[in-house]
């Protein structure tokens, strides 16, 4: 279940503006002609590249399938929705817009992670300090974090992480959509323009709507962000750990370097001074030395300061 928005395009022989008007298009800014409805947005660029009229169609595949995009479609459902979309455009415009004839201009690959509702925002914002190779731009907008790569001044690939519930609530979605959005942290990889050229062997829209392609891109993005580890760490119930320790079953110090790292990130470099953690001083300095030897202590302290500034 890994697909959302798509944009398909096709160049056709130039048509008179009256033709486009007759099939429901109206004049918009920059000389464009547009026709929008609930499930599709259509745009015509007259006499564009190659002297053709370029018809571009944008739609959310899950909205076609489910009526909203809080639930994601399977590969089969996405392909069926894409074919339906092209058939709808053909019937509405009177032009040939078959799925095998059009070109993909944008594909959004998506994945939802189940995260405790009170953690989704913190996880998303904690990623803002990530340094991703080949993604020089990082932007934060409310609860969303986006990393983008450009070529010739245009975005060709973007990685975005955001809490789906926050989007649903802020945009006033129906109760059913809000319920479907709860506890979901969404990872999105958007390919546009020349960014799609990186998918080897893909030429037609259905080539891109492949679960294997989606999984490959999303796994790569998740690994770059270290997303699963961060989600797992944020889902740790520290109070439960303390209770277990208090009952004499185990010590937080026995959980190794990974627990030490998360305690520093969440509670600062001097967390061991808090008696609630029952963290042995000797173990603390042992783990601190390990982190220093690995060359990550400075970054760990900085990450702690960044994380706590968002909380």
Protein backbone atom coordinates (compact mmCIF):
# COMPACT_ATOMS: atom_id res chain seq x y z
CA UNK A 1 0.00 0.00 0.00
CA UNK A 2 2.34 2.65 -1.26
CA UNK A 3 0.92 5.12 -3.76
CA UNK A 4 -0.80 8.51 -3.65
CA UNK A 5 -0.71 11.45 -6.09
CA UNK A 6 0.16 11.03 -9.76
CA UNK A 7 0.46 13.44 -12.66
CA UNK A 8 0.17 12.14 -16.22
CA UNK A 9 0.74 14.21 -19.35
CA UNK A 10 0.32 13.97 -23.10
CA UNK A 11 1.18 16.27 -25.98
CA UNK A 12 -1.50 16.62 -28.63
CA UNK A 13 -2.03 18.55 -31.83
CA UNK A 14 -2.88 22.18 -30.97
CA UNK A 15 -6.59 22.83 -30.56
CA UNK A 16 -8.54 26.05 -30.61
CA UNK A 17 -9.36 27.60 -27.24
CA UNK A 18 -13.04 27.21 -28.05
CA UNK A 19 -12.60 23.43 -28.07
CA UNK A 20 -11.17 23.46 -24.56
CA UNK A 21 -13.93 25.81 -23.45
CA UNK A 22 -16.57 23.49 -24.84
CA UNK A 23 -15.24 20.59 -22.75
CA UNK A 24 -15.25 22.57 -19.52
CA UNK A 25 -11.87 24.32 -19.33
CA UNK A 26 -11.52 27.94 -18.21
CA UNK A 27 -8.68 30.40 -18.56
CA UNK A 28 -6.33 30.70 -15.56
CA UNK A 29 -3.07 32.48 -14.73
CA UNK A 30 -0.08 32.36 -17.07
CA UNK A 31 -2.28 31.47 -20.03
CA UNK A 32 -3.21 28.04 -18.69
CA UNK A 33 -6.55 26.38 -19.16
CA UNK A 34 -7.88 24.42 -16.18
CA UNK A 35 -10.72 22.13 -15.26
CA UNK A 36 -10.93 20.90 -11.66
CA UNK A 37 -13.28 18.54 -9.88
CA UNK A 38 -13.28 16.44 -6.71
CA UNK A 39 -10.99 13.68 -7.98
CA UNK A 40 -9.00 15.25 -10.81
CA UNK A 41 -7.30 18.50 -11.75
CA UNK A 42 -6.69 18.97 -15.47
CA UNK A 43 -4.45 21.65 -16.97
CA UNK A 44 -3.70 22.53 -20.59
CA UNK A 45 -0.57 24.38 -21.69
CA UNK A 46 -1.30 25.56 -25.21
CA UNK A 47 1.42 25.47 -27.83
CA UNK A 48 4.07 24.37 -25.40
CA UNK A 49 7.12 22.17 -25.96
CA UNK A 50 7.27 20.96 -29.56
CA UNK A 51 4.43 23.27 -30.52
CA UNK A 52 1.89 20.91 -28.95
CA UNK A 53 -0.92 21.45 -26.49
CA UNK A 54 0.09 19.61 -23.31
CA UNK A 55 -2.71 18.11 -21.26
CA UNK A 56 -1.68 17.31 -17.67
CA UNK A 57 -3.89 15.44 -15.22
CA UNK A 58 -3.31 15.26 -11.46
CA UNK A 59 -5.15 12.99 -9.07
CA UNK A 60 -4.76 11.10 -5.81
CA UNK A 61 -5.09 7.38 -6.53
CA UNK A 62 -6.36 6.54 -3.02
CA UNK A 63 -9.03 9.22 -3.37
CA UNK A 64 -10.24 7.46 -6.51
CA UNK A 65 -10.33 4.15 -4.66
CA UNK A 66 -11.49 5.18 -1.17
CA UNK A 67 -12.66 8.78 -1.48
CA UNK A 68 -9.74 9.99 0.68
CA UNK A 69 -6.00 9.35 1.03
CA UNK A 70 -5.82 8.38 4.70
CA UNK A 71 -5.85 4.78 3.46
CA UNK A 72 -3.38 3.73 0.77
CA UNK A 73 -4.12 1.44 -2.19
CA UNK A 74 -2.39 -1.79 -3.12
CA UNK A 75 -0.50 -2.09 -6.39
CA UNK A 76 -3.52 -3.66 -8.07
CA UNK A 77 -5.86 -0.96 -6.77
CA UNK A 78 -3.46 1.81 -7.78
CA UNK A 79 -3.12 0.46 -11.31
CA UNK A 80 -6.86 0.11 -11.66
CA UNK A 81 -7.35 3.67 -10.41
CA UNK A 82 -4.72 4.99 -12.85
CA UNK A 83 -6.47 3.26 -15.76
CA UNK A 84 -9.83 4.63 -14.59
CA UNK A 85 -8.32 8.13 -14.41
CA UNK A 86 -7.12 8.02 -18.00
CA UNK A 87 -10.47 6.66 -19.17
CA UNK A 88 -12.26 9.45 -17.32
CA UNK A 89 -10.09 12.10 -19.00
CA UNK A 90 -10.76 10.56 -22.42
CA UNK A 91 -14.51 10.57 -21.87
CA UNK A 92 -14.58 14.12 -20.51
CA UNK A 93 -12.34 15.71 -23.15
CA UNK A 94 -13.20 13.61 -26.21
CA UNK A 95 -9.48 12.97 -26.70
CA UNK A 96 -7.44 9.79 -26.60
CA UNK A 97 -5.75 9.63 -23.20
CA UNK A 98 -5.02 5.93 -22.72
CA UNK A 99 -2.80 4.72 -19.88
CA UNK A 100 -0.34 3.25 -22.40
CA UNK A 101 -0.08 6.50 -24.37
CA UNK A 102 0.53 9.05 -21.63
CA UNK A 103 3.75 9.88 -19.77
CA UNK A 104 4.30 10.03 -16.03
CA UNK A 105 5.30 13.47 -14.77
CA UNK A 106 5.03 12.82 -11.03
CA UNK A 107 4.54 9.81 -8.78
CA UNK A 108 4.18 9.92 -4.98
CA UNK A 109 5.23 6.77 -3.15
CA UNK A 110 3.91 6.57 0.39
CA UNK A 111 4.03 4.44 3.52
CA UNK A 112 2.34 4.74 6.89
CA UNK A 113 3.98 3.83 10.19
CA UNK A 114 1.89 3.10 13.25
CA UNK A 115 3.09 5.43 15.97
CA UNK A 116 1.51 6.47 19.25
CA UNK A 117 -0.54 9.57 18.53
CA UNK A 118 1.32 11.74 21.04
CA UNK A 119 4.64 10.76 19.42
CA UNK A 120 3.98 11.38 15.72
CA UNK A 121 4.76 15.10 15.79
CA UNK A 122 7.94 14.63 17.84
CA UNK A 123 9.23 11.92 15.53
CA UNK A 124 8.60 14.03 12.43
CA UNK A 125 10.22 17.14 13.86
CA UNK A 126 13.19 15.25 15.29
CA UNK A 127 14.14 14.38 11.70
CA UNK A 128 14.66 18.06 10.84
CA UNK A 129 18.27 17.88 12.03
CA UNK A 130 19.02 14.94 9.72
CA UNK A 131 21.74 15.46 7.14
CA UNK A 132 20.76 13.53 4.00
CA UNK A 133 23.32 13.00 1.22
CA UNK A 134 22.33 14.73 -2.04
CA UNK A 135 19.40 16.51 -0.40
CA UNK A 136 20.77 20.01 0.28
CA UNK A 137 17.42 21.60 1.15
CA UNK A 138 15.45 20.81 4.30
CA UNK A 139 12.24 22.63 5.12
CA UNK A 140 9.82 22.48 8.01
CA UNK A 141 6.19 23.50 7.67
CA UNK A 142 4.15 23.06 10.84
CA UNK A 143 4.49 19.35 11.66
CA UNK A 144 5.98 18.34 8.30
CA UNK A 145 9.64 17.95 7.41
CA UNK A 146 10.71 17.86 3.77
CA UNK A 147 14.08 17.20 2.12
CA UNK A 148 14.42 18.04 -1.56
CA UNK A 149 16.84 17.59 -4.43
CA UNK A 150 16.85 19.93 -7.41
CA UNK A 151 18.21 19.91 -10.92
CA UNK A 152 18.33 23.01 -13.08
CA UNK A 153 16.32 24.89 -10.47
CA UNK A 154 13.45 22.37 -10.34
CA UNK A 155 12.66 19.82 -7.64
CA UNK A 156 13.08 16.30 -9.00
CA UNK A 157 12.87 14.31 -5.75
CA UNK A 158 11.47 15.06 -2.32
CA UNK A 159 11.25 13.08 0.92
CA UNK A 160 8.56 14.21 3.36
CA UNK A 161 7.55 12.96 6.81
CA UNK A 162 4.44 14.19 8.62
CA UNK A 163 1.71 13.09 11.06
CA UNK A 164 -1.35 12.16 9.01
CA UNK A 165 -3.74 12.89 11.87
CA UNK A 166 -2.51 16.50 12.13
CA UNK A 167 -3.24 16.99 8.43
CA UNK A 168 -6.73 15.48 8.77
CA UNK A 169 -7.62 17.61 11.78
CA UNK A 170 -6.23 20.88 10.38
CA UNK A 171 -7.96 20.49 7.02
CA UNK A 172 -11.33 19.65 8.55
CA UNK A 173 -11.67 16.16 7.13
CA UNK A 174 -14.80 14.07 7.85
CA UNK A 175 -14.79 11.99 11.07
CA UNK A 176 -14.18 8.76 9.14
CA UNK A 177 -11.00 10.19 7.58
CA UNK A 178 -9.80 11.53 10.93
CA UNK A 179 -10.29 8.10 12.48
CA UNK A 180 -8.40 6.46 9.62
CA UNK A 181 -5.53 8.94 10.12
CA UNK A 182 -4.97 8.33 13.82
CA UNK A 183 -1.55 7.10 14.86
CA UNK A 184 -0.15 7.27 11.33
CA UNK A 185 3.22 8.80 10.56
CA UNK A 186 3.47 9.14 6.79
CA UNK A 187 6.68 8.81 4.78
CA UNK A 188 6.43 10.10 1.23
CA UNK A 189 8.94 9.96 -1.62
CA UNK A 190 7.96 12.14 -4.56
CA UNK A 191 9.60 11.76 -7.97
CA UNK A 192 9.06 14.47 -10.57
CA UNK A 193 10.36 15.32 -14.02
CA UNK A 194 13.88 13.95 -14.47
CA UNK A 195 13.70 12.29 -11.07
CA UNK A 196 11.57 9.58 -12.68
CA UNK A 197 14.45 8.73 -15.01
CA UNK A 198 16.17 7.05 -12.06
CA UNK A 199 13.71 4.13 -12.23
CA UNK A 200 15.46 1.73 -14.58
CA UNK A 201 13.32 0.02 -17.18
CA UNK A 202 10.28 2.20 -16.47
CA UNK A 203 8.77 4.03 -19.42
CA UNK A 204 5.01 3.94 -19.05
CA UNK A 205 2.88 4.97 -16.03
CA UNK A 206 2.10 1.41 -14.94
CA UNK A 207 5.84 0.65 -14.86
CA UNK A 208 6.16 3.13 -12.02
CA UNK A 209 3.13 1.82 -10.12
CA UNK A 210 5.02 -1.23 -8.93
CA UNK A 211 5.20 -2.39 -5.33
CA UNK A 212 8.84 -3.40 -5.77
CA UNK A 213 9.74 0.08 -7.04
CA UNK A 214 7.79 1.69 -4.20
CA UNK A 215 9.37 -0.54 -1.54
CA UNK A 216 12.85 0.13 -2.88
CA UNK A 217 12.44 3.92 -2.79
CA UNK A 218 10.71 3.99 0.59
CA UNK A 219 13.18 1.61 2.20
CA UNK A 220 16.07 3.72 0.92
CA UNK A 221 14.50 6.90 2.33
CA UNK A 222 13.68 5.24 5.66
CA UNK A 223 17.23 3.96 5.99
CA UNK A 224 18.69 7.38 5.20
CA UNK A 225 16.52 8.90 7.92
CA UNK A 226 17.11 6.00 10.31
CA UNK A 227 13.36 6.22 10.66
CA UNK A 228 12.48 2.82 12.09
CA UNK A 229 15.04 3.14 14.89
CA UNK A 230 13.73 6.58 15.78
CA UNK A 231 10.14 5.35 15.78
CA UNK A 232 11.04 2.34 17.89
CA UNK A 233 12.97 4.52 20.32
CA UNK A 234 10.14 7.00 20.68
CA UNK A 235 7.73 4.14 21.39
CA UNK A 236 9.79 2.89 24.33
CA UNK A 237 7.74 3.21 27.51
CA UNK A 238 10.42 4.52 29.87
CA UNK A 239 8.13 4.52 32.87
CA UNK A 240 7.42 0.84 32.33
CA UNK A 241 11.15 0.19 32.16
CA UNK A 242 11.59 1.96 35.48
CA UNK A 243 8.83 -0.05 37.08
CA UNK A 244 10.41 -3.29 35.85
CA UNK A 245 13.70 -2.19 37.33
CA UNK A 246 12.03 -1.20 40.58
CA UNK A 247 10.65 -4.72 40.88
CA UNK A 248 14.16 -6.05 40.70
CA UNK A 249 13.82 -7.66 37.27
CA UNK A 250 16.49 -5.70 35.39
CA UNK A 251 18.50 -2.46 35.19
CA UNK A 252 18.33 0.14 32.46
CA UNK A 253 22.12 -0.02 32.44
CA UNK A 254 21.93 -3.59 31.21
CA UNK A 255 20.17 -2.55 28.03
CA UNK A 256 23.48 -1.55 26.47
CA UNK A 257 24.65 1.33 24.34
CA UNK A 258 21.38 1.71 22.42
CA UNK A 259 19.44 2.46 25.62
CA UNK A 260 22.20 4.82 26.76
CA UNK A 261 21.95 6.71 23.46
CA UNK A 262 18.19 7.11 23.76
CA UNK A 263 18.40 8.23 27.39
CA UNK A 264 20.91 10.91 26.45
CA UNK A 265 18.82 12.06 23.48
CA UNK A 266 15.61 12.24 25.49
CA UNK A 267 16.87 13.40 28.89
CA UNK A 268 20.21 15.10 28.28
CA UNK A 269 23.87 14.16 28.82
CA UNK A 270 23.53 14.11 32.63
CA UNK A 271 20.45 11.92 32.88
CA UNK A 272 22.22 9.51 35.27
CA UNK A 273 22.02 12.13 38.03
CA UNK A 274 18.26 11.58 38.14
CA UNK A 275 17.74 8.88 40.80
CA UNK A 276 14.57 7.64 39.09
CA UNK A 277 16.66 6.00 36.37
CA UNK A 278 18.76 3.96 38.80
CA UNK A 279 21.51 4.17 36.21
CA UNK A 280 24.92 3.21 37.68
CA UNK A 281 27.49 5.99 37.46
CA UNK A 282 30.21 3.55 36.41
CA UNK A 283 28.03 2.23 33.58
CA UNK A 284 27.25 5.77 32.48
CA UNK A 285 30.92 6.71 32.05
CA UNK A 286 31.63 3.38 30.37
CA UNK A 287 28.93 4.03 27.77
CA UNK A 288 30.00 7.66 27.41
CA UNK A 289 33.54 6.52 26.63
CA UNK A 290 32.20 4.09 24.02
CA UNK A 291 30.25 6.91 22.38
CA UNK A 292 33.34 9.13 22.39
CA UNK A 293 35.43 6.39 20.83
CA UNK A 294 32.82 5.99 18.12
CA UNK A 295 32.98 9.74 17.51
CA UNK A 296 29.27 10.27 18.13
CA UNK A 297 29.18 11.85 21.59
CA UNK A 298 29.21 15.45 20.37
CA UNK A 299 26.46 14.77 17.84
CA UNK A 300 24.47 12.90 20.48
CA UNK A 301 24.53 15.85 22.88
CA UNK A 302 23.58 18.22 20.05
CA UNK A 303 20.73 15.90 19.06
CA UNK A 304 19.52 15.91 22.66
CA UNK A 305 19.40 19.69 22.70
CA UNK A 306 17.54 19.75 19.36
CA UNK A 307 15.03 17.11 20.49
CA UNK A 308 14.22 18.78 23.79
CA UNK A 309 13.81 22.17 22.10
CA UNK A 310 10.85 20.68 20.17
CA UNK A 311 9.21 19.09 23.19
